[in-house]
C-alpha atoms as a PDB file:
ATOM      1  CA  MET A   1      23.871   5.319  41.182  1.00  0.00           C
ATOM      2  CA  HIS A   2      24.478   7.908  38.447  1.00  0.00           C
ATOM      3  CA  ARG A   3      26.415   5.344  36.402  1.00  0.00           C
ATOM      4  CA  VAL A   4      23.516   2.884  36.543  1.00  0.00           C
ATOM      5  CA  THR A   5      21.104   5.607  35.418  1.00  0.00           C
ATOM      6  CA  LEU A   6      23.461   6.581  32.595  1.00  0.00           C
ATOM      7  CA  VAL A   7      23.846   2.954  31.441  1.00  0.00           C
ATOM      8  CA  VAL A   8      20.060   2.431  31.505  1.00  0.00           C
ATOM      9  CA  ALA A   9      19.548   5.668  29.536  1.00  0.00           C
ATOM     10  CA  ILE A  10      22.115   4.676  26.892  1.00  0.00           C
ATOM     11  CA  CYS A  11      20.626   1.182  26.540  1.00  0.00           C
ATOM     12  CA  SER A  12      17.136   2.672  26.162  1.00  0.00           C
ATOM     13  CA  MET A  13      18.347   5.003  23.416  1.00  0.00           C
ATOM     14  CA  LEU A  14      20.019   2.144  21.537  1.00  0.00           C
ATOM     15  CA  VAL A  15      16.935  -0.067  21.767  1.00  0.00           C
ATOM     16  CA  GLY A  16      14.773   2.846  20.574  1.00  0.00           C
ATOM     17  CA  GLU A  17      17.026   3.504  17.588  1.00  0.00           C
ATOM     18  CA  THR A  18      17.050  -0.178  16.650  1.00  0.00           C
ATOM     19  CA  ALA A  19      13.268  -0.358  16.898  1.00  0.00           C
ATOM     20  CA  THR A  20      12.776   2.657  14.624  1.00  0.00           C
ATOM     21  CA  ALA A  21      15.375   1.593  12.042  1.00  0.00           C
ATOM     22  CA  GLN A  22      13.617  -0.198   9.219  1.00  0.00           C
ATOM     23  CA  SER A  23      14.938  -2.206   6.342  1.00  0.00           C
ATOM     24  CA  PRO A  24      14.266  -0.839   2.845  1.00  0.00           C
ATOM     25  CA  GLU A  25      11.730  -3.653   2.328  1.00  0.00           C
ATOM     26  CA  ALA A  26       9.888  -2.697   5.523  1.00  0.00           C
ATOM     27  CA  LYS A  27       9.778   0.958   4.388  1.00  0.00           C
ATOM     28  CA  VAL A  28       8.341  -0.042   0.994  1.00  0.00           C
ATOM     29  CA  MET A  29       5.745  -2.255   2.679  1.00  0.00           C
ATOM     30  CA  ALA A  30       4.850   0.567   5.097  1.00  0.00           C
ATOM     31  CA  ALA A  31       4.232   2.941   2.157  1.00  0.00           C
ATOM     32  CA  ILE A  32       2.000   0.353   0.478  1.00  0.00           C
ATOM     33  CA  HIS A  33       0.085  -0.375   3.677  1.00  0.00           C
ATOM     34  CA  GLN A  34      -0.450   3.369   4.134  1.00  0.00           C
ATOM     35  CA  VAL A  35      -2.484   3.393   0.901  1.00  0.00           C
ATOM     36  CA  PHE A  36      -4.822   0.638   2.075  1.00  0.00           C
ATOM     37  CA  ASP A  37      -5.054   1.959   5.642  1.00  0.00           C
ATOM     38  CA  GLY A  38      -6.007   5.329   4.149  1.00  0.00           C
ATOM     39  CA  MET A  39      -8.637   3.682   1.955  1.00  0.00           C
ATOM     40  CA  ARG A  40     -10.243   2.004   4.977  1.00  0.00           C
ATOM     41  CA  ALA A  41     -10.184   5.308   6.858  1.00  0.00           C
ATOM     42  CA  ALA A  42     -11.552   7.218   3.818  1.00  0.00           C
ATOM     43  CA  ASP A  43      -8.592   9.573   4.303  1.00  0.00           C
ATOM     44  CA  PRO A  44      -7.488  10.905   0.902  1.00  0.00           C
ATOM     45  CA  ALA A  45      -4.619  12.956   2.390  1.00  0.00           C
ATOM     46  CA  MET A  46      -3.128   9.824   3.949  1.00  0.00           C
ATOM     47  CA  VAL A  47      -3.238   8.058   0.578  1.00  0.00           C
ATOM     48  CA  ALA A  48      -2.027  11.042  -1.471  1.00  0.00           C
ATOM     49  CA  ALA A  49       1.031  11.436   0.767  1.00  0.00           C
ATOM     50  CA  VAL A  50       2.483   8.187  -0.605  1.00  0.00           C
ATOM     51  CA  PHE A  51       2.075   8.973  -4.307  1.00  0.00           C
ATOM     52  CA  ALA A  52       4.617  10.800  -6.464  1.00  0.00           C
ATOM     53  CA  ASP A  53       3.515  13.761  -8.554  1.00  0.00           C
ATOM     54  CA  ASN A  54       2.146  12.540 -11.911  1.00  0.00           C
ATOM     55  CA  ALA A  55       1.681   8.953 -10.667  1.00  0.00           C
ATOM     56  CA  ARG A  56      -0.562   6.711 -12.762  1.00  0.00           C
ATOM     57  CA  PHE A  57      -3.322   4.313 -11.836  1.00  0.00           C
ATOM     58  CA  ALA A  58      -4.175   1.588 -14.372  1.00  0.00           C
ATOM     59  CA  VAL A  59      -6.706  -1.232 -14.396  1.00  0.00           C
ATOM     60  CA  VAL A  60      -6.843  -4.347 -16.555  1.00  0.00           C
ATOM     61  CA  ARG A  61     -10.317  -5.845 -16.887  1.00  0.00           C
ATOM     62  CA  SER A  62     -11.590  -8.606 -19.133  1.00  0.00           C
ATOM     63  CA  LYS A  63     -14.204  -7.701 -21.715  1.00  0.00           C
ATOM     64  CA  ASP A  64     -15.409 -10.489 -23.973  1.00  0.00           C
ATOM     65  CA  SER A  65     -12.436 -12.572 -22.745  1.00  0.00           C
ATOM     66  CA  LEU A  66      -9.987  -9.929 -23.962  1.00  0.00           C
ATOM     67  CA  PRO A  67      -7.939  -7.645 -21.711  1.00  0.00           C
ATOM     68  CA  GLU A  68      -9.110  -4.044 -21.589  1.00  0.00           C
ATOM     69  CA  ILE A  69      -6.729  -1.481 -20.117  1.00  0.00           C
ATOM     70  CA  SER A  70      -7.934   1.783 -18.656  1.00  0.00           C
ATOM     71  CA  THR A  71      -6.027   4.498 -16.858  1.00  0.00           C
ATOM     72  CA  GLN A  72      -7.229   7.050 -14.380  1.00  0.00           C
ATOM     73  CA  PRO A  73      -5.536  10.049 -12.811  1.00  0.00           C
ATOM     74  CA  VAL A  74      -4.460   9.214  -9.270  1.00  0.00           C
ATOM     75  CA  ALA A  75      -6.107  12.423  -8.019  1.00  0.00           C
ATOM     76  CA  GLU A  76      -9.499  11.246  -9.309  1.00  0.00           C
ATOM     77  CA  TRP A  77      -9.141   7.881  -7.557  1.00  0.00           C
ATOM     78  CA  ILE A  78      -7.936   9.533  -4.347  1.00  0.00           C
ATOM     79  CA  GLY A  79     -10.950  11.861  -4.455  1.00  0.00           C
ATOM     80  CA  ALA A  80     -13.233   8.824  -4.688  1.00  0.00           C
ATOM     81  CA  ILE A  81     -11.562   7.388  -1.574  1.00  0.00           C
ATOM     82  CA  GLY A  82     -12.654  10.491   0.335  1.00  0.00           C
ATOM     83  CA  GLU A  83     -16.221   9.984  -0.864  1.00  0.00           C
ATOM     84  CA  SER A  84     -16.310   6.265   0.035  1.00  0.00           C
ATOM     85  CA  GLY A  85     -17.357   6.886   3.615  1.00  0.00           C
ATOM     86  CA  GLY A  86     -15.058   4.127   4.832  1.00  0.00           C
ATOM     87  CA  SER A  87     -16.948   1.422   2.926  1.00  0.00           C
ATOM     88  CA  TRP A  88     -13.826   0.353   0.979  1.00  0.00           C
ATOM     89  CA  ASP A  89     -11.622  -2.299   2.569  1.00  0.00           C
ATOM     90  CA  GLU A  90      -8.849  -3.671   0.369  1.00  0.00           C
ATOM     91  CA  GLN A  91      -7.073  -6.464   2.210  1.00  0.00           C
ATOM     92  CA  VAL A  92      -3.582  -7.225   0.895  1.00  0.00           C
ATOM     93  CA  TYR A  93      -1.557 -10.343   1.638  1.00  0.00           C
ATOM     94  CA  ASP A  94       1.441 -12.380   0.451  1.00  0.00           C
ATOM     95  CA  MET A  95       3.238  -9.202  -0.638  1.00  0.00           C
ATOM     96  CA  ASP A  96       6.386  -9.798  -2.709  1.00  0.00           C
ATOM     97  CA  VAL A  97       8.721  -6.785  -2.714  1.00  0.00           C
ATOM     98  CA  ARG A  98      11.822  -6.468  -4.893  1.00  0.00           C
ATOM     99  CA  ILE A  99      14.291  -3.616  -4.481  1.00  0.00           C
ATOM    100  CA  ASP A 100      17.324  -2.486  -6.431  1.00  0.00           C
ATOM    101  CA  ASP A 101      18.896   0.685  -5.085  1.00  0.00           C
ATOM    102  CA  ASN A 102      16.196   3.388  -5.385  1.00  0.00           C
ATOM    103  CA  VAL A 103      13.640   1.356  -7.343  1.00  0.00           C
ATOM    104  CA  ALA A 104      11.112  -1.032  -5.844  1.00  0.00           C
ATOM    105  CA  SER A 105       8.398  -3.208  -7.285  1.00  0.00           C
ATOM    106  CA  ALA A 106       5.709  -5.044  -5.346  1.00  0.00           C
ATOM    107  CA  TRP A 107       3.347  -7.831  -6.367  1.00  0.00           C
ATOM    108  CA  VAL A 108       0.409  -7.501  -4.000  1.00  0.00           C
ATOM    109  CA  PRO A 109      -2.565  -9.905  -4.124  1.00  0.00           C
ATOM    110  CA  TYR A 110      -5.743  -8.376  -2.702  1.00  0.00           C
ATOM    111  CA  THR A 111      -9.389  -8.942  -1.909  1.00  0.00           C
ATOM    112  CA  PHE A 112     -11.629  -5.879  -2.020  1.00  0.00           C
ATOM    113  CA  TYR A 113     -14.571  -5.669   0.374  1.00  0.00           C
ATOM    114  CA  LEU A 114     -17.375  -3.191  -0.204  1.00  0.00           C
ATOM    115  CA  GLU A 115     -19.478  -2.596   2.882  1.00  0.00           C
ATOM    116  CA  GLY A 116     -18.132  -5.814   4.405  1.00  0.00           C
ATOM    117  CA  LEU A 117     -18.827  -8.099   1.405  1.00  0.00           C
ATOM    118  CA  ILE A 118     -16.303  -9.348  -1.147  1.00  0.00           C
ATOM    119  CA  SER A 119     -16.643  -7.239  -4.286  1.00  0.00           C
ATOM    120  CA  HIS A 120     -13.642  -8.409  -6.318  1.00  0.00           C
ATOM    121  CA  CYS A 121     -10.019  -9.513  -6.077  1.00  0.00           C
ATOM    122  CA  GLY A 122      -6.823  -9.605  -8.084  1.00  0.00           C
ATOM    123  CA  VAL A 123      -3.261  -8.399  -7.909  1.00  0.00           C
ATOM    124  CA  ASN A 124      -1.824  -4.914  -7.504  1.00  0.00           C
ATOM    125  CA  SER A 125       1.458  -4.304  -9.305  1.00  0.00           C
ATOM    126  CA  ILE A 126       3.046  -1.326  -7.586  1.00  0.00           C
ATOM    127  CA  GLU A 127       6.135   0.584  -8.714  1.00  0.00           C
ATOM    128  CA  LEU A 128       7.929   2.868  -6.261  1.00  0.00           C
ATOM    129  CA  LEU A 129      10.934   5.195  -6.322  1.00  0.00           C
ATOM    130  CA  ARG A 130      12.895   6.335  -3.295  1.00  0.00           C
ATOM    131  CA  ASN A 131      12.778  10.084  -2.823  1.00  0.00           C
ATOM    132  CA  GLY A 132      15.239  10.866  -0.048  1.00  0.00           C
ATOM    133  CA  GLU A 133      14.190   8.692   2.873  1.00  0.00           C
ATOM    134  CA  HIS A 134      10.668   8.086   1.547  1.00  0.00           C
ATOM    135  CA  TRP A 135       9.277   5.674  -1.019  1.00  0.00           C
ATOM    136  CA  GLU A 136       6.739   7.114  -3.455  1.00  0.00           C
ATOM    137  CA  ILE A 137       4.358   5.166  -5.656  1.00  0.00           C
ATOM    138  CA  THR A 138       4.745   6.112  -9.321  1.00  0.00           C
ATOM    139  CA  GLN A 139       2.467   3.470 -10.827  1.00  0.00           C
ATOM    140  CA  LEU A 140      -0.281   1.299  -9.386  1.00  0.00           C
ATOM    141  CA  SER A 141      -1.844  -1.230 -11.765  1.00  0.00           C
ATOM    142  CA  ASP A 142      -4.311  -3.917 -10.862  1.00  0.00           C
ATOM    143  CA  THR A 143      -6.242  -6.830 -12.224  1.00  0.00           C
ATOM    144  CA  ARG A 144      -9.850  -7.433 -11.190  1.00  0.00           C
ATOM    145  CA  ARG A 145     -12.026 -10.505 -11.127  1.00  0.00           C
ATOM    146  CA  ILE A 146     -15.153 -11.495  -9.239  1.00  0.00           C
ATOM    147  CA  GLU A 147     -14.764 -15.280  -9.250  1.00  0.00           C
ATOM    148  CA  ASP A 148     -12.725 -17.430  -6.844  1.00  0.00           C
ATOM    149  CA  CYS A 149     -11.743 -14.565  -4.540  1.00  0.00           C
ATOM    150  CA  PRO A 150      -9.949 -15.592  -1.344  1.00  0.00           C
ATOM    151  CA  ASP A 151     -11.392 -14.300   1.929  1.00  0.00           C
ATOM    152  CA  PRO A 152      -8.397 -13.224   4.042  1.00  0.00           C
ATOM    153  CA  LEU A 153     -10.767 -11.871   6.722  1.00  0.00           C
ATOM    154  CA  GLY A 154     -12.401 -15.299   7.057  1.00  0.00           C
ATOM    155  CA  ASN A 155     -15.960 -13.957   6.758  1.00  0.00           C
END
């Protein structure tokens, strides 16, 4: 009886370890999803935890058919997340993650909903570095448009 209990206990531990072990790609995707889950929850601490010190946030908009680049401190953007009251919902899909050693890059199409309605869409280009066991975002750049936005929520 004790042997059966011991075998069951060992098997449970092995299954648990396998379930918690994640591939590097899954860890990168989890860090990225944490940003958007934190946005929906209006939880700036949850979002800030994924960003490296001195990370940058950049936006490319079109003005008079020409690209216009602006940058913003990540802290300012994270502060705005806390003030959003949960009205921001950025849905990401078709994520393409590339990893080489301790560097990762993700191409992340998105549709941004404001108070349940599509506001804009585009692509997030996200750069991450591995810091120990954790991936940290060092740069988040995005494009923004208001036409022809997909509706991944099917509203």
